[in-house]
C-alpha atoms as a PDB file:
ATOM      1  CA  MET A   1       0.000   0.000   0.000  1.00  0.00           C
ATOM      2  CA  LYS A   2       1.427   3.362  -1.003  1.00  0.00           C
ATOM      3  CA  LEU A   3       0.853   6.148   1.515  1.00  0.00           C
ATOM      4  CA  ASP A   4       0.925   9.884   1.017  1.00  0.00           C
ATOM      5  CA  ILE A   5       2.233  10.504   4.543  1.00  0.00           C
ATOM      6  CA  LEU A   6       4.075   8.173   6.915  1.00  0.00           C
ATOM      7  CA  VAL A   7       4.391   9.222  10.555  1.00  0.00           C
ATOM      8  CA  PHE A   8       7.173   7.836  12.744  1.00  0.00           C
ATOM      9  CA  ALA A   9       6.632   8.012  16.510  1.00  0.00           C
ATOM     10  CA  ALA A  10       9.033   6.855  19.211  1.00  0.00           C
ATOM     11  CA  HIS A  11       6.102   5.870  21.445  1.00  0.00           C
ATOM     12  CA  PRO A  12       2.424   5.102  20.948  1.00  0.00           C
ATOM     13  CA  ASP A  13       0.616   8.426  21.615  1.00  0.00           C
ATOM     14  CA  ASP A  14       3.508  10.669  20.410  1.00  0.00           C
ATOM     15  CA  ALA A  15       1.779  11.252  17.078  1.00  0.00           C
ATOM     16  CA  GLU A  16      -1.625  11.757  18.670  1.00  0.00           C
ATOM     17  CA  LEU A  17      -0.315  14.353  21.110  1.00  0.00           C
ATOM     18  CA  ALA A  18       1.740  16.294  18.579  1.00  0.00           C
ATOM     19  CA  CYS A  19       0.303  15.998  15.073  1.00  0.00           C
ATOM     20  CA  SER A  20      -3.020  14.119  15.025  1.00  0.00           C
ATOM     21  CA  GLY A  21      -4.898  17.251  13.991  1.00  0.00           C
ATOM     22  CA  THR A  22      -2.709  17.515  10.912  1.00  0.00           C
ATOM     23  CA  ILE A  23      -3.167  13.799  10.233  1.00  0.00           C
ATOM     24  CA  ALA A  24      -6.951  14.128  10.477  1.00  0.00           C
ATOM     25  CA  ARG A  25      -6.945  17.177   8.205  1.00  0.00           C
ATOM     26  CA  GLN A  26      -4.906  15.400   5.515  1.00  0.00           C
ATOM     27  CA  ILE A  27      -7.079  12.277   5.673  1.00  0.00           C
ATOM     28  CA  ALA A  28     -10.210  14.431   5.300  1.00  0.00           C
ATOM     29  CA  GLN A  29      -8.626  15.795   2.116  1.00  0.00           C
ATOM     30  CA  GLY A  30      -8.320  12.267   0.741  1.00  0.00           C
ATOM     31  CA  LYS A  31      -4.698  11.537   1.660  1.00  0.00           C
ATOM     32  CA  LYS A  32      -3.602   8.114   2.906  1.00  0.00           C
ATOM     33  CA  VAL A  33      -1.702   8.299   6.195  1.00  0.00           C
ATOM     34  CA  GLY A  34      -0.050   5.638   8.350  1.00  0.00           C
ATOM     35  CA  ILE A  35       1.799   5.606  11.678  1.00  0.00           C
ATOM     36  CA  ILE A  36       4.821   3.492  12.573  1.00  0.00           C
ATOM     37  CA  ASP A  37       5.381   3.358  16.339  1.00  0.00           C
ATOM     38  CA  LEU A  38       9.006   2.540  17.093  1.00  0.00           C
ATOM     39  CA  THR A  39       8.467   1.081  20.576  1.00  0.00           C
ATOM     40  CA  LYS A  40       5.577  -0.263  22.636  1.00  0.00           C
ATOM     41  CA  GLY A  41       6.215   2.304  25.359  1.00  0.00           C
ATOM     42  CA  GLU A  42       7.043  -0.497  27.755  1.00  0.00           C
ATOM     43  CA  MET A  43       9.121   1.730  30.019  1.00  0.00           C
ATOM     44  CA  GLY A  44       6.193   4.054  30.639  1.00  0.00           C
ATOM     45  CA  THR A  45       5.042   4.540  34.228  1.00  0.00           C
ATOM     46  CA  ARG A  46       1.443   3.552  33.565  1.00  0.00           C
ATOM     47  CA  GLY A  47      -0.302   0.830  31.613  1.00  0.00           C
ATOM     48  CA  THR A  48       1.281  -2.156  29.870  1.00  0.00           C
ATOM     49  CA  PRO A  49       2.552  -2.793  26.334  1.00  0.00           C
ATOM     50  CA  GLU A  50      -0.572  -4.860  25.666  1.00  0.00           C
ATOM     51  CA  ILE A  51      -2.881  -2.070  26.828  1.00  0.00           C
ATOM     52  CA  ARG A  52      -1.035   0.537  24.810  1.00  0.00           C
ATOM     53  CA  THR A  53      -1.169  -1.643  21.703  1.00  0.00           C
ATOM     54  CA  GLN A  54      -4.944  -1.833  22.010  1.00  0.00           C
ATOM     55  CA  GLU A  55      -5.163   1.896  22.668  1.00  0.00           C
ATOM     56  CA  ALA A  56      -3.062   2.574  19.564  1.00  0.00           C
ATOM     57  CA  LEU A  57      -5.528   0.559  17.480  1.00  0.00           C
ATOM     58  CA  GLU A  58      -8.427   2.534  18.924  1.00  0.00           C
ATOM     59  CA  ALA A  59      -6.674   5.806  18.083  1.00  0.00           C
ATOM     60  CA  ALA A  60      -5.958   4.524  14.564  1.00  0.00           C
ATOM     61  CA  ALA A  61      -9.679   3.888  14.046  1.00  0.00           C
ATOM     62  CA  ILE A  62     -10.555   7.380  15.300  1.00  0.00           C
ATOM     63  CA  LEU A  63      -8.054   8.969  12.926  1.00  0.00           C
ATOM     64  CA  LYS A  64      -9.052   6.638  10.036  1.00  0.00           C
ATOM     65  CA  LEU A  65      -5.450   5.640   9.382  1.00  0.00           C
ATOM     66  CA  SER A  66      -4.668   3.458   6.375  1.00  0.00           C
ATOM     67  CA  ALA A  67      -1.986   1.567   8.336  1.00  0.00           C
ATOM     68  CA  ARG A  68      -0.398   1.340  11.778  1.00  0.00           C
ATOM     69  CA  GLU A  69       2.532  -0.858  12.755  1.00  0.00           C
ATOM     70  CA  ASN A  70       4.899  -1.202  15.699  1.00  0.00           C
ATOM     71  CA  LEU A  71       8.577  -2.026  15.122  1.00  0.00           C
ATOM     72  CA  GLY A  72       9.102  -3.287  18.674  1.00  0.00           C
ATOM     73  CA  PHE A  73      12.323  -1.350  19.300  1.00  0.00           C
ATOM     74  CA  LYS A  74      13.406  -1.238  22.956  1.00  0.00           C
ATOM     75  CA  ASP A  75      11.889   1.750  24.715  1.00  0.00           C
ATOM     76  CA  ILE A  76      14.650   4.075  26.031  1.00  0.00           C
ATOM     77  CA  TYR A  77      17.410   1.832  24.638  1.00  0.00           C
ATOM     78  CA  PHE A  78      16.954   1.952  20.844  1.00  0.00           C
ATOM     79  CA  LEU A  79      19.703   3.709  18.891  1.00  0.00           C
ATOM     80  CA  ASP A  80      20.195   5.519  15.630  1.00  0.00           C
ATOM     81  CA  ASP A  81      22.404   2.765  14.259  1.00  0.00           C
ATOM     82  CA  HIS A  82      22.664   0.413  11.275  1.00  0.00           C
ATOM     83  CA  GLU A  83      20.340  -2.241  12.712  1.00  0.00           C
ATOM     84  CA  HIS A  84      17.508   0.165  13.519  1.00  0.00           C
ATOM     85  CA  GLN A  85      17.979   2.206  10.338  1.00  0.00           C
ATOM     86  CA  LEU A  86      17.451  -0.861   8.145  1.00  0.00           C
ATOM     87  CA  GLU A  87      14.175  -1.667   9.902  1.00  0.00           C
ATOM     88  CA  MET A  88      13.017   1.896   9.294  1.00  0.00           C
ATOM     89  CA  VAL A  89      14.139   1.709   5.669  1.00  0.00           C
ATOM     90  CA  LYS A  90      11.961  -1.375   5.190  1.00  0.00           C
ATOM     91  CA  MET A  91       8.922   0.619   6.300  1.00  0.00           C
ATOM     92  CA  ILE A  92       9.770   3.600   4.093  1.00  0.00           C
ATOM     93  CA  ARG A  93      10.209   1.362   1.064  1.00  0.00           C
ATOM     94  CA  LYS A  94       7.080  -0.610   1.921  1.00  0.00           C
ATOM     95  CA  TYR A  95       4.795   2.430   2.095  1.00  0.00           C
ATOM     96  CA  GLN A  96       6.652   4.794  -0.280  1.00  0.00           C
ATOM     97  CA  PRO A  97       5.412   8.033   1.353  1.00  0.00           C
ATOM     98  CA  GLU A  98       5.812  11.421  -0.274  1.00  0.00           C
ATOM     99  CA  ILE A  99       6.110  13.034   3.173  1.00  0.00           C
ATOM    100  CA  VAL A 100       7.416  11.720   6.483  1.00  0.00           C
ATOM    101  CA  LEU A 101       6.483  13.256   9.836  1.00  0.00           C
ATOM    102  CA  ALA A 102       8.858  12.455  12.685  1.00  0.00           C
ATOM    103  CA  ASN A 103       9.558  13.222  16.331  1.00  0.00           C
ATOM    104  CA  ALA A 104      10.794  16.580  17.591  1.00  0.00           C
ATOM    105  CA  ILE A 105      14.480  17.181  16.893  1.00  0.00           C
ATOM    106  CA  THR A 106      15.054  17.683  20.628  1.00  0.00           C
ATOM    107  CA  ASP A 107      12.760  17.233  23.605  1.00  0.00           C
ATOM    108  CA  ARG A 108      12.382  16.374  27.285  1.00  0.00           C
ATOM    109  CA  HIS A 109      12.296  12.628  26.505  1.00  0.00           C
ATOM    110  CA  PRO A 110      15.580  11.443  24.940  1.00  0.00           C
ATOM    111  CA  ASP A 111      13.766   8.946  22.705  1.00  0.00           C
ATOM    112  CA  HIS A 112      12.158  11.823  20.830  1.00  0.00           C
ATOM    113  CA  GLY A 113      15.430  13.320  19.636  1.00  0.00           C
ATOM    114  CA  LYS A 114      16.757   9.849  18.824  1.00  0.00           C
ATOM    115  CA  GLY A 115      13.578   9.082  16.903  1.00  0.00           C
ATOM    116  CA  ALA A 116      13.982  12.306  14.914  1.00  0.00           C
ATOM    117  CA  SER A 117      17.579  11.519  13.992  1.00  0.00           C
ATOM    118  CA  LEU A 118      16.760   7.903  13.167  1.00  0.00           C
ATOM    119  CA  ALA A 119      13.913   8.917  10.846  1.00  0.00           C
ATOM    120  CA  LEU A 120      15.978  11.593   9.115  1.00  0.00           C
ATOM    121  CA  ASN A 121      18.927   9.288   8.449  1.00  0.00           C
ATOM    122  CA  SER A 122      16.706   6.390   7.423  1.00  0.00           C
ATOM    123  CA  CYS A 123      14.876   8.514   4.860  1.00  0.00           C
ATOM    124  CA  PHE A 124      18.200   9.315   3.193  1.00  0.00           C
ATOM    125  CA  ILE A 125      19.494   5.737   3.363  1.00  0.00           C
ATOM    126  CA  SER A 126      16.221   4.426   1.906  1.00  0.00           C
ATOM    127  CA  GLY A 127      16.999   6.214  -1.358  1.00  0.00           C
ATOM    128  CA  LEU A 128      20.357   4.487  -1.852  1.00  0.00           C
ATOM    129  CA  ARG A 129      20.075   1.711  -4.417  1.00  0.00           C
ATOM    130  CA  ARG A 130      23.091  -0.171  -3.042  1.00  0.00           C
ATOM    131  CA  VAL A 131      21.402  -0.562   0.348  1.00  0.00           C
ATOM    132  CA  GLU A 132      19.528  -3.828  -0.059  1.00  0.00           C
ATOM    133  CA  THR A 133      16.492  -4.769   2.008  1.00  0.00           C
ATOM    134  CA  GLN A 134      13.931  -7.519   1.851  1.00  0.00           C
ATOM    135  CA  LEU A 135      10.395  -7.654   3.219  1.00  0.00           C
ATOM    136  CA  ASP A 136       8.376 -10.874   3.273  1.00  0.00           C
ATOM    137  CA  GLY A 137      11.058 -12.528   1.168  1.00  0.00           C
ATOM    138  CA  GLU A 138      10.956  -9.959  -1.630  1.00  0.00           C
ATOM    139  CA  ASN A 139      13.610  -7.419  -2.579  1.00  0.00           C
ATOM    140  CA  GLN A 140      12.579  -3.810  -2.026  1.00  0.00           C
ATOM    141  CA  SER A 141      13.187  -0.879  -4.362  1.00  0.00           C
ATOM    142  CA  PRO A 142      14.871   2.339  -3.189  1.00  0.00           C
ATOM    143  CA  TRP A 143      12.540   5.139  -2.101  1.00  0.00           C
ATOM    144  CA  ARG A 144      13.253   8.560  -0.671  1.00  0.00           C
ATOM    145  CA  PRO A 145      10.419  10.790   0.574  1.00  0.00           C
ATOM    146  CA  LYS A 146      10.262  14.278  -0.892  1.00  0.00           C
ATOM    147  CA  ASN A 147      10.189  15.934   2.544  1.00  0.00           C
ATOM    148  CA  ILE A 148      10.514  15.133   6.233  1.00  0.00           C
ATOM    149  CA  TYR A 149       8.970  17.414   8.844  1.00  0.00           C
ATOM    150  CA  HIS A 150       9.391  17.201  12.612  1.00  0.00           C
ATOM    151  CA  TYR A 151       6.408  17.760  14.865  1.00  0.00           C
ATOM    152  CA  ILE A 152       6.874  19.710  18.097  1.00  0.00           C
ATOM    153  CA  GLN A 153       6.323  17.888  21.388  1.00  0.00           C
ATOM    154  CA  ASN A 154       6.774  18.879  25.027  1.00  0.00           C
ATOM    155  CA  ASN A 155       9.548  21.471  24.765  1.00  0.00           C
ATOM    156  CA  TYR A 156       8.759  24.648  22.874  1.00  0.00           C
ATOM    157  CA  ILE A 157      10.521  24.942  19.517  1.00  0.00           C
ATOM    158  CA  GLN A 158       9.925  27.842  17.149  1.00  0.00           C
ATOM    159  CA  PRO A 159       7.989  26.265  14.269  1.00  0.00           C
ATOM    160  CA  ASP A 160       8.943  26.776  10.646  1.00  0.00           C
ATOM    161  CA  PHE A 161       5.272  26.452   9.710  1.00  0.00           C
ATOM    162  CA  VAL A 162       1.944  25.874  11.455  1.00  0.00           C
ATOM    163  CA  VAL A 163      -1.017  23.819  10.251  1.00  0.00           C
ATOM    164  CA  ASP A 164      -4.538  25.019  11.057  1.00  0.00           C
ATOM    165  CA  ILE A 165      -6.288  22.155  12.875  1.00  0.00           C
ATOM    166  CA  THR A 166      -9.270  24.091  14.230  1.00  0.00           C
ATOM    167  CA  ASP A 167     -11.841  21.955  12.405  1.00  0.00           C
ATOM    168  CA  PHE A 168     -10.146  18.761  13.622  1.00  0.00           C
ATOM    169  CA  TRP A 169      -9.554  19.605  17.267  1.00  0.00           C
ATOM    170  CA  ASP A 170     -12.267  17.231  18.481  1.00  0.00           C
ATOM    171  CA  VAL A 171     -10.755  14.380  16.463  1.00  0.00           C
ATOM    172  CA  LYS A 172      -7.313  15.131  17.881  1.00  0.00           C
ATOM    173  CA  LEU A 173      -8.650  15.154  21.437  1.00  0.00           C
ATOM    174  CA  ALA A 174     -10.527  11.886  20.916  1.00  0.00           C
ATOM    175  CA  SER A 175      -7.407  10.188  19.533  1.00  0.00           C
ATOM    176  CA  ILE A 176      -5.390  11.341  22.549  1.00  0.00           C
ATOM    177  CA  LYS A 177      -8.032  10.132  24.990  1.00  0.00           C
ATOM    178  CA  ALA A 178      -7.935   6.693  23.352  1.00  0.00           C
ATOM    179  CA  PHE A 179      -4.751   6.261  25.415  1.00  0.00           C
ATOM    180  CA  LYS A 180      -6.775   6.345  28.610  1.00  0.00           C
ATOM    181  CA  SER A 181      -4.181   4.408  30.599  1.00  0.00           C
ATOM    182  CA  GLN A 182      -1.742   7.287  30.189  1.00  0.00           C
ATOM    183  CA  PHE A 183      -3.740  10.365  31.114  1.00  0.00           C
ATOM    184  CA  TYR A 184      -5.589  11.811  34.071  1.00  0.00           C
ATOM    185  CA  ASP A 185      -8.049   9.458  35.730  1.00  0.00           C
ATOM    186  CA  PRO A 186      -9.052  10.230  39.338  1.00  0.00           C
ATOM    187  CA  THR A 187     -10.068   6.588  39.851  1.00  0.00           C
ATOM    188  CA  SER A 188      -6.713   5.129  38.759  1.00  0.00           C
ATOM    189  CA  ILE A 189      -4.489   3.502  41.369  1.00  0.00           C
ATOM    190  CA  GLU A 190      -1.417   3.588  39.121  1.00  0.00           C
ATOM    191  CA  PRO A 191       1.552   5.870  39.902  1.00  0.00           C
ATOM    192  CA  GLN A 192       1.453   9.472  38.777  1.00  0.00           C
ATOM    193  CA  SER A 193       3.476  10.258  35.657  1.00  0.00           C
ATOM    194  CA  PHE A 194       4.532  13.413  33.858  1.00  0.00           C
ATOM    195  CA  ILE A 195       1.608  13.176  31.439  1.00  0.00           C
ATOM    196  CA  SER A 196      -1.040  11.831  33.822  1.00  0.00           C
ATOM    197  CA  SER A 197      -1.369  15.045  35.834  1.00  0.00           C
ATOM    198  CA  GLU A 198      -4.716  16.819  35.757  1.00  0.00           C
ATOM    199  CA  ASN A 199      -3.125  19.790  34.005  1.00  0.00           C
ATOM    200  CA  PHE A 200      -1.371  17.988  31.138  1.00  0.00           C
ATOM    201  CA  LEU A 201      -4.223  18.013  28.623  1.00  0.00           C
ATOM    202  CA  GLY A 202      -4.693  21.681  29.470  1.00  0.00           C
ATOM    203  CA  PHE A 203      -1.111  22.207  28.328  1.00  0.00           C
ATOM    204  CA  ILE A 204      -1.877  20.436  25.033  1.00  0.00           C
ATOM    205  CA  ASP A 205      -4.845  22.771  24.552  1.00  0.00           C
ATOM    206  CA  ALA A 206      -2.748  25.830  25.401  1.00  0.00           C
ATOM    207  CA  ARG A 207       0.064  24.847  23.022  1.00  0.00           C
ATOM    208  CA  ALA A 208      -2.400  24.305  20.166  1.00  0.00           C
ATOM    209  CA  ARG A 209      -4.032  27.662  20.908  1.00  0.00           C
ATOM    210  CA  GLU A 210      -0.609  29.338  20.946  1.00  0.00           C
ATOM    211  CA  PHE A 211       0.318  27.920  17.552  1.00  0.00           C
ATOM    212  CA  GLY A 212      -3.158  28.683  16.235  1.00  0.00           C
ATOM    213  CA  HIS A 213      -2.900  32.266  17.449  1.00  0.00           C
ATOM    214  CA  SER A 214       0.332  32.685  15.490  1.00  0.00           C
ATOM    215  CA  ILE A 215      -1.576  32.106  12.217  1.00  0.00           C
ATOM    216  CA  ASN A 216      -4.777  33.879  13.306  1.00  0.00           C
ATOM    217  CA  THR A 217      -6.828  30.748  13.904  1.00  0.00           C
ATOM    218  CA  LYS A 218      -8.025  28.890  17.011  1.00  0.00           C
ATOM    219  CA  TYR A 219      -5.887  25.743  17.006  1.00  0.00           C
ATOM    220  CA  GLY A 220      -2.655  24.855  15.235  1.00  0.00           C
ATOM    221  CA  GLU A 221       0.181  22.332  15.184  1.00  0.00           C
ATOM    222  CA  GLY A 222       3.764  23.403  14.588  1.00  0.00           C
ATOM    223  CA  PHE A 223       6.483  21.700  12.569  1.00  0.00           C
ATOM    224  CA  THR A 224      10.158  22.242  11.847  1.00  0.00           C
ATOM    225  CA  LYS A 225      12.107  21.288   8.750  1.00  0.00           C
ATOM    226  CA  ILE A 226      15.719  20.574   7.831  1.00  0.00           C
ATOM    227  CA  LYS A 227      15.460  20.986   4.058  1.00  0.00           C
ATOM    228  CA  MET A 228      14.683  24.437   2.664  1.00  0.00           C
ATOM    229  CA  LEU A 229      11.099  24.721   1.436  1.00  0.00           C
ATOM    230  CA  GLY A 230      10.293  26.240  -1.934  1.00  0.00           C
ATOM    231  CA  VAL A 231       7.139  27.503  -3.651  1.00  0.00           C
ATOM    232  CA  ASN A 232       6.270  28.345  -7.238  1.00  0.00           C
ATOM    233  CA  ASP A 233       3.655  30.929  -6.376  1.00  0.00           C
ATOM    234  CA  LEU A 234       3.713  33.554  -3.607  1.00  0.00           C
ATOM    235  CA  PHE A 235      -0.036  33.058  -3.250  1.00  0.00           C
ATOM    236  CA  ASP A 236       0.626  29.534  -1.947  1.00  0.00           C
ATOM    237  CA  LEU A 237       1.855  31.194   1.253  1.00  0.00           C
ATOM    238  CA  GLN A 238      -0.891  31.859   3.795  1.00  0.00           C
END
């Protein structure tokens, strides 16, 4: 299955928290979008890998994703190295996306920066014809996405562009709340975590309002880029 956009996320719920509004907007416009979770989030304070896998499937249904897979890398311990790059390359060549969305280039959680670097390097490597990969016993062809953009997560980063997600805020919120084991629940007996505080979803709302305000709309999601962007028409710029 060829996708228009492939999203890499170090943990299940990274994509929902940071760029699910953009995902929902693109899908509503007829684009095919998939998410590849790198780990099962097994080092998280709350829930279990099994619970988070089920929650990820529920979020996928809410967002109407065309595909969602989990590479099973070790949470906290995965590296941007040859072994992990080849597994990422297999996914890029499998889905042949035009655009890749990846973790923030730097963030509070070290896996996010590693995930960003791993995605960036893997996108380049995937285009090299002398790098051979196989999937399900068949040789894969080289493929390099046209662009890779990094969504912004916990730490504030000045975005290079902001996507208006006002019409898709409810979808974003529903996809986040699919991960109910991770967020505020006054009846839960599990330990408190950084994201399970009562105020965390308020922060997500405030961040989206901040980015939205910067483009004169209610809600937005910010992204950074490595490669210089170009346009053919000044009227393409909002």
